Amino acid sequence: MENVVERIIAWGELDPLGIVFYPRYYEWMDDCGHRFFDALGLNLGVLREKNHLIFGLVETGFRYHSPGRYGDRIRAVTRILRLERKILVLETSILRVPADELLAVGFEERICLDCSDPSRLRAADIPPEILEKLQNATRSQPGVPTGVPTTPGWR
């Protein structure tokens, strides 16, 4: 499954050179990640309150290909890049439309955390009912590694 969000780049999102200020890509990716979970029926706020789980960030990054500019219509496409027992990696591609010109590709590596005691967060296996929804989302994405890894050194 892919979740798609479209928007227009606003003036306040630019740096002095007139291109998108790089932290904006991270804001967009974070928003798209939350919308991805929502589309699966896994609202992150509800998971925190009812299940005492959060998907905390472990690592993020972006590779930039072309600058975004004021007034550009962009499409952000988010999908699961990798799914493991405790780890989920989302990829968000940001494209200029209608030409689908790639502006940037980012990733978020998230770990499932038990937050029942906020002073002592600890890694937790993704619960089966949540894992099933995430696995179902990968079924339409060929080549996505899923399941419990058996290679030594994997988390």
C-alpha atoms as a PDB file:
ATOM      1  CA  MET A   1       0.000   0.000   0.000  1.00  0.00           C
ATOM      2  CA  GLU A   2       1.116   3.505  -0.742  1.00  0.00           C
ATOM      3  CA  ASN A   3      -0.329   6.589   0.889  1.00  0.00           C
ATOM      4  CA  VAL A   4      -0.348   9.722  -1.278  1.00  0.00           C
ATOM      5  CA  VAL A   5      -0.539  13.341  -0.113  1.00  0.00           C
ATOM      6  CA  GLU A   6      -0.503  16.342  -2.474  1.00  0.00           C
ATOM      7  CA  ARG A   7       0.167  19.964  -1.599  1.00  0.00           C
ATOM      8  CA  ILE A   8       1.513  23.227  -3.000  1.00  0.00           C
ATOM      9  CA  ILE A   9       4.820  24.634  -1.752  1.00  0.00           C
ATOM     10  CA  ALA A  10       4.209  27.860   0.173  1.00  0.00           C
ATOM     11  CA  TRP A  11       6.409  30.979   0.278  1.00  0.00           C
ATOM     12  CA  GLY A  12       7.224  30.468   3.960  1.00  0.00           C
ATOM     13  CA  GLU A  13       8.777  27.054   3.218  1.00  0.00           C
ATOM     14  CA  LEU A  14      11.640  28.533   1.175  1.00  0.00           C
ATOM     15  CA  ASP A  15      15.173  29.517   2.129  1.00  0.00           C
ATOM     16  CA  PRO A  16      16.877  32.754   0.976  1.00  0.00           C
ATOM     17  CA  LEU A  17      17.785  31.092  -2.354  1.00  0.00           C
ATOM     18  CA  GLY A  18      14.105  30.531  -3.150  1.00  0.00           C
ATOM     19  CA  ILE A  19      14.197  26.753  -2.787  1.00  0.00           C
ATOM     20  CA  VAL A  20      12.562  24.559  -0.143  1.00  0.00           C
ATOM     21  CA  PHE A  21      14.407  24.844   3.180  1.00  0.00           C
ATOM     22  CA  TYR A  22      15.551  21.268   3.920  1.00  0.00           C
ATOM     23  CA  PRO A  23      13.802  20.871   7.343  1.00  0.00           C
ATOM     24  CA  ARG A  24      10.472  21.235   5.533  1.00  0.00           C
ATOM     25  CA  TYR A  25      11.068  17.871   3.828  1.00  0.00           C
ATOM     26  CA  TYR A  26      11.381  16.283   7.280  1.00  0.00           C
ATOM     27  CA  GLU A  27       8.147  17.958   8.418  1.00  0.00           C
ATOM     28  CA  TRP A  28       6.343  16.695   5.320  1.00  0.00           C
ATOM     29  CA  MET A  29       7.750  13.182   5.758  1.00  0.00           C
ATOM     30  CA  ASP A  30       6.697  13.089   9.408  1.00  0.00           C
ATOM     31  CA  ASP A  31       3.176  14.232   8.502  1.00  0.00           C
ATOM     32  CA  CYS A  32       2.992  11.647   5.709  1.00  0.00           C
ATOM     33  CA  GLY A  33       4.165   8.908   8.084  1.00  0.00           C
ATOM     34  CA  HIS A  34       1.340   9.730  10.496  1.00  0.00           C
ATOM     35  CA  ARG A  35      -1.160   9.767   7.624  1.00  0.00           C
ATOM     36  CA  PHE A  36       0.181   6.381   6.473  1.00  0.00           C
ATOM     37  CA  PHE A  37      -0.535   4.873   9.896  1.00  0.00           C
ATOM     38  CA  ASP A  38      -3.986   6.555   9.917  1.00  0.00           C
ATOM     39  CA  ALA A  39      -4.791   5.026   6.512  1.00  0.00           C
ATOM     40  CA  LEU A  40      -4.135   1.595   8.041  1.00  0.00           C
ATOM     41  CA  GLY A  41      -6.444   2.335  10.978  1.00  0.00           C
ATOM     42  CA  LEU A  42      -3.424   2.685  13.286  1.00  0.00           C
ATOM     43  CA  ASN A  43      -3.663   6.229  14.637  1.00  0.00           C
ATOM     44  CA  LEU A  44      -0.430   6.800  16.558  1.00  0.00           C
ATOM     45  CA  GLY A  45      -2.122   8.866  19.284  1.00  0.00           C
ATOM     46  CA  VAL A  46      -4.665   6.113  19.916  1.00  0.00           C
ATOM     47  CA  LEU A  47      -1.904   3.462  19.978  1.00  0.00           C
ATOM     48  CA  ARG A  48      -0.078   5.506  22.620  1.00  0.00           C
ATOM     49  CA  GLU A  49      -3.157   6.057  24.792  1.00  0.00           C
ATOM     50  CA  LYS A  50      -4.844   2.649  24.502  1.00  0.00           C
ATOM     51  CA  ASN A  51      -1.986   0.240  23.785  1.00  0.00           C
ATOM     52  CA  HIS A  52       0.872   2.134  25.468  1.00  0.00           C
ATOM     53  CA  LEU A  53       2.911   1.796  22.273  1.00  0.00           C
ATOM     54  CA  ILE A  54       4.738   4.333  20.180  1.00  0.00           C
ATOM     55  CA  PHE A  55       6.803   3.990  17.028  1.00  0.00           C
ATOM     56  CA  GLY A  56       9.827   6.090  17.970  1.00  0.00           C
ATOM     57  CA  LEU A  57      12.331   7.367  15.446  1.00  0.00           C
ATOM     58  CA  VAL A  58      15.691   5.619  15.374  1.00  0.00           C
ATOM     59  CA  GLU A  59      17.118   7.159  12.200  1.00  0.00           C
ATOM     60  CA  THR A  60      15.978   9.457   9.395  1.00  0.00           C
ATOM     61  CA  GLY A  61      17.532  10.716   6.213  1.00  0.00           C
ATOM     62  CA  PHE A  62      16.933  12.354   2.864  1.00  0.00           C
ATOM     63  CA  ARG A  63      18.588  12.302  -0.534  1.00  0.00           C
ATOM     64  CA  TYR A  64      17.863  15.401  -2.605  1.00  0.00           C
ATOM     65  CA  HIS A  65      17.561  15.252  -6.391  1.00  0.00           C
ATOM     66  CA  SER A  66      16.019  18.540  -7.541  1.00  0.00           C
ATOM     67  CA  PRO A  67      14.981  21.726  -5.694  1.00  0.00           C
ATOM     68  CA  GLY A  68      11.362  22.454  -4.897  1.00  0.00           C
ATOM     69  CA  ARG A  69      10.209  26.037  -5.518  1.00  0.00           C
ATOM     70  CA  TYR A  70       7.371  28.348  -4.561  1.00  0.00           C
ATOM     71  CA  GLY A  71       4.065  27.293  -6.069  1.00  0.00           C
ATOM     72  CA  ASP A  72       5.204  23.827  -7.137  1.00  0.00           C
ATOM     73  CA  ARG A  73       2.526  21.171  -6.718  1.00  0.00           C
ATOM     74  CA  ILE A  74       4.117  18.166  -5.071  1.00  0.00           C
ATOM     75  CA  ARG A  75       3.054  14.614  -4.328  1.00  0.00           C
ATOM     76  CA  ALA A  76       4.460  12.679  -1.369  1.00  0.00           C
ATOM     77  CA  VAL A  77       4.197   8.901  -1.667  1.00  0.00           C
ATOM     78  CA  THR A  78       4.816   6.877   1.510  1.00  0.00           C
ATOM     79  CA  ARG A  79       5.278   3.117   1.654  1.00  0.00           C
ATOM     80  CA  ILE A  80       6.851   0.465   3.833  1.00  0.00           C
ATOM     81  CA  LEU A  81      10.450  -0.130   2.849  1.00  0.00           C
ATOM     82  CA  ARG A  82      11.224  -2.806   5.483  1.00  0.00           C
ATOM     83  CA  LEU A  83       9.280  -4.552   8.229  1.00  0.00           C
ATOM     84  CA  GLU A  84      10.821  -6.588  11.030  1.00  0.00           C
ATOM     85  CA  ARG A  85       9.733  -7.891  14.430  1.00  0.00           C
ATOM     86  CA  LYS A  86      10.352  -4.538  16.189  1.00  0.00           C
ATOM     87  CA  ILE A  87      11.341  -2.217  13.344  1.00  0.00           C
ATOM     88  CA  LEU A  88       9.454  -0.482  10.572  1.00  0.00           C
ATOM     89  CA  VAL A  89      11.121   1.603   7.851  1.00  0.00           C
ATOM     90  CA  LEU A  90       8.951   3.995   5.855  1.00  0.00           C
ATOM     91  CA  GLU A  91      10.090   5.621   2.623  1.00  0.00           C
ATOM     92  CA  THR A  92       8.612   8.877   1.366  1.00  0.00           C
ATOM     93  CA  SER A  93       9.266  10.012  -2.205  1.00  0.00           C
ATOM     94  CA  ILE A  94       8.484  13.650  -2.970  1.00  0.00           C
ATOM     95  CA  LEU A  95       7.715  14.391  -6.611  1.00  0.00           C
ATOM     96  CA  ARG A  96       6.862  17.523  -8.573  1.00  0.00           C
ATOM     97  CA  VAL A  97       3.595  16.996 -10.462  1.00  0.00           C
ATOM     98  CA  PRO A  98       2.350  16.593 -13.076  1.00  0.00           C
ATOM     99  CA  ALA A  99       5.749  15.499 -14.479  1.00  0.00           C
ATOM    100  CA  ASP A 100       6.503  13.172 -11.504  1.00  0.00           C
ATOM    101  CA  GLU A 101      10.000  14.679 -11.276  1.00  0.00           C
ATOM    102  CA  LEU A 102      11.734  13.318  -8.193  1.00  0.00           C
ATOM    103  CA  LEU A 103      12.686  16.075  -5.734  1.00  0.00           C
ATOM    104  CA  ALA A 104      13.758  13.981  -2.749  1.00  0.00           C
ATOM    105  CA  VAL A 105      13.511  10.550  -1.132  1.00  0.00           C
ATOM    106  CA  GLY A 106      13.516  10.154   2.623  1.00  0.00           C
ATOM    107  CA  PHE A 107      13.271   7.342   5.130  1.00  0.00           C
ATOM    108  CA  GLU A 108      12.171   6.951   8.726  1.00  0.00           C
ATOM    109  CA  GLU A 109      13.333   3.957  10.731  1.00  0.00           C
ATOM    110  CA  ARG A 110      10.886   3.499  13.602  1.00  0.00           C
ATOM    111  CA  ILE A 111      11.052   1.098  16.520  1.00  0.00           C
ATOM    112  CA  CYS A 112       8.049  -0.168  18.446  1.00  0.00           C
ATOM    113  CA  LEU A 113       8.371   1.001  22.051  1.00  0.00           C
ATOM    114  CA  ASP A 114       6.438   0.101  25.178  1.00  0.00           C
ATOM    115  CA  CYS A 115       5.635   3.471  26.767  1.00  0.00           C
ATOM    116  CA  SER A 116       3.538   2.201  29.695  1.00  0.00           C
ATOM    117  CA  ASP A 117       6.261   3.723  31.905  1.00  0.00           C
ATOM    118  CA  PRO A 118       7.415   6.879  30.052  1.00  0.00           C
ATOM    119  CA  SER A 119      10.511   7.122  32.260  1.00  0.00           C
ATOM    120  CA  ARG A 120      11.621   3.681  31.030  1.00  0.00           C
ATOM    121  CA  LEU A 121      10.879   3.224  27.323  1.00  0.00           C
ATOM    122  CA  ARG A 122      11.832  -0.186  26.008  1.00  0.00           C
ATOM    123  CA  ALA A 123      11.764  -1.890  22.629  1.00  0.00           C
ATOM    124  CA  ALA A 124       8.822  -4.232  22.091  1.00  0.00           C
ATOM    125  CA  ASP A 125       7.743  -6.684  19.422  1.00  0.00           C
ATOM    126  CA  ILE A 126       5.083  -5.206  17.184  1.00  0.00           C
ATOM    127  CA  PRO A 127       1.824  -6.760  18.484  1.00  0.00           C
ATOM    128  CA  PRO A 128       0.344  -9.417  16.151  1.00  0.00           C
ATOM    129  CA  GLU A 129      -2.802  -7.423  15.251  1.00  0.00           C
ATOM    130  CA  ILE A 130      -0.697  -4.372  14.311  1.00  0.00           C
ATOM    131  CA  LEU A 131       1.932  -6.469  12.534  1.00  0.00           C
ATOM    132  CA  GLU A 132      -0.811  -8.094  10.461  1.00  0.00           C
ATOM    133  CA  LYS A 133      -2.052  -4.697   9.253  1.00  0.00           C
ATOM    134  CA  LEU A 134       1.489  -3.652   8.373  1.00  0.00           C
ATOM    135  CA  GLN A 135       2.160  -6.952   6.567  1.00  0.00           C
ATOM    136  CA  ASN A 136      -1.076  -6.560   4.607  1.00  0.00           C
ATOM    137  CA  ALA A 137       0.109  -3.106   3.537  1.00  0.00           C
ATOM    138  CA  THR A 138       3.289  -4.643   2.080  1.00  0.00           C
ATOM    139  CA  ARG A 139       1.498  -7.299   0.033  1.00  0.00           C
ATOM    140  CA  SER A 140       0.950  -4.890  -2.862  1.00  0.00           C
ATOM    141  CA  GLN A 141       4.631  -3.888  -2.740  1.00  0.00           C
ATOM    142  CA  PRO A 142       6.838  -6.539  -4.327  1.00  0.00           C
ATOM    143  CA  GLY A 143      10.274  -6.932  -2.806  1.00  0.00           C
ATOM    144  CA  VAL A 144       9.537  -5.595   0.688  1.00  0.00           C
ATOM    145  CA  PRO A 145      11.354  -7.700   3.280  1.00  0.00           C
ATOM    146  CA  THR A 146       8.906  -8.742   6.011  1.00  0.00           C
ATOM    147  CA  GLY A 147       8.643 -11.215   8.834  1.00  0.00           C
ATOM    148  CA  VAL A 148      11.041 -12.158  11.548  1.00  0.00           C
ATOM    149  CA  PRO A 149      14.581 -11.965  10.184  1.00  0.00           C
ATOM    150  CA  THR A 150      16.889 -14.901  10.657  1.00  0.00           C
ATOM    151  CA  THR A 151      20.139 -13.227   9.621  1.00  0.00           C
ATOM    152  CA  PRO A 152      22.450 -12.668  12.610  1.00  0.00           C
ATOM    153  CA  GLY A 153      22.893  -9.022  13.483  1.00  0.00           C
ATOM    154  CA  TRP A 154      19.371  -7.984  12.558  1.00  0.00           C
ATOM    155  CA  ARG A 155      17.319  -6.272  15.248  1.00  0.00           C
END
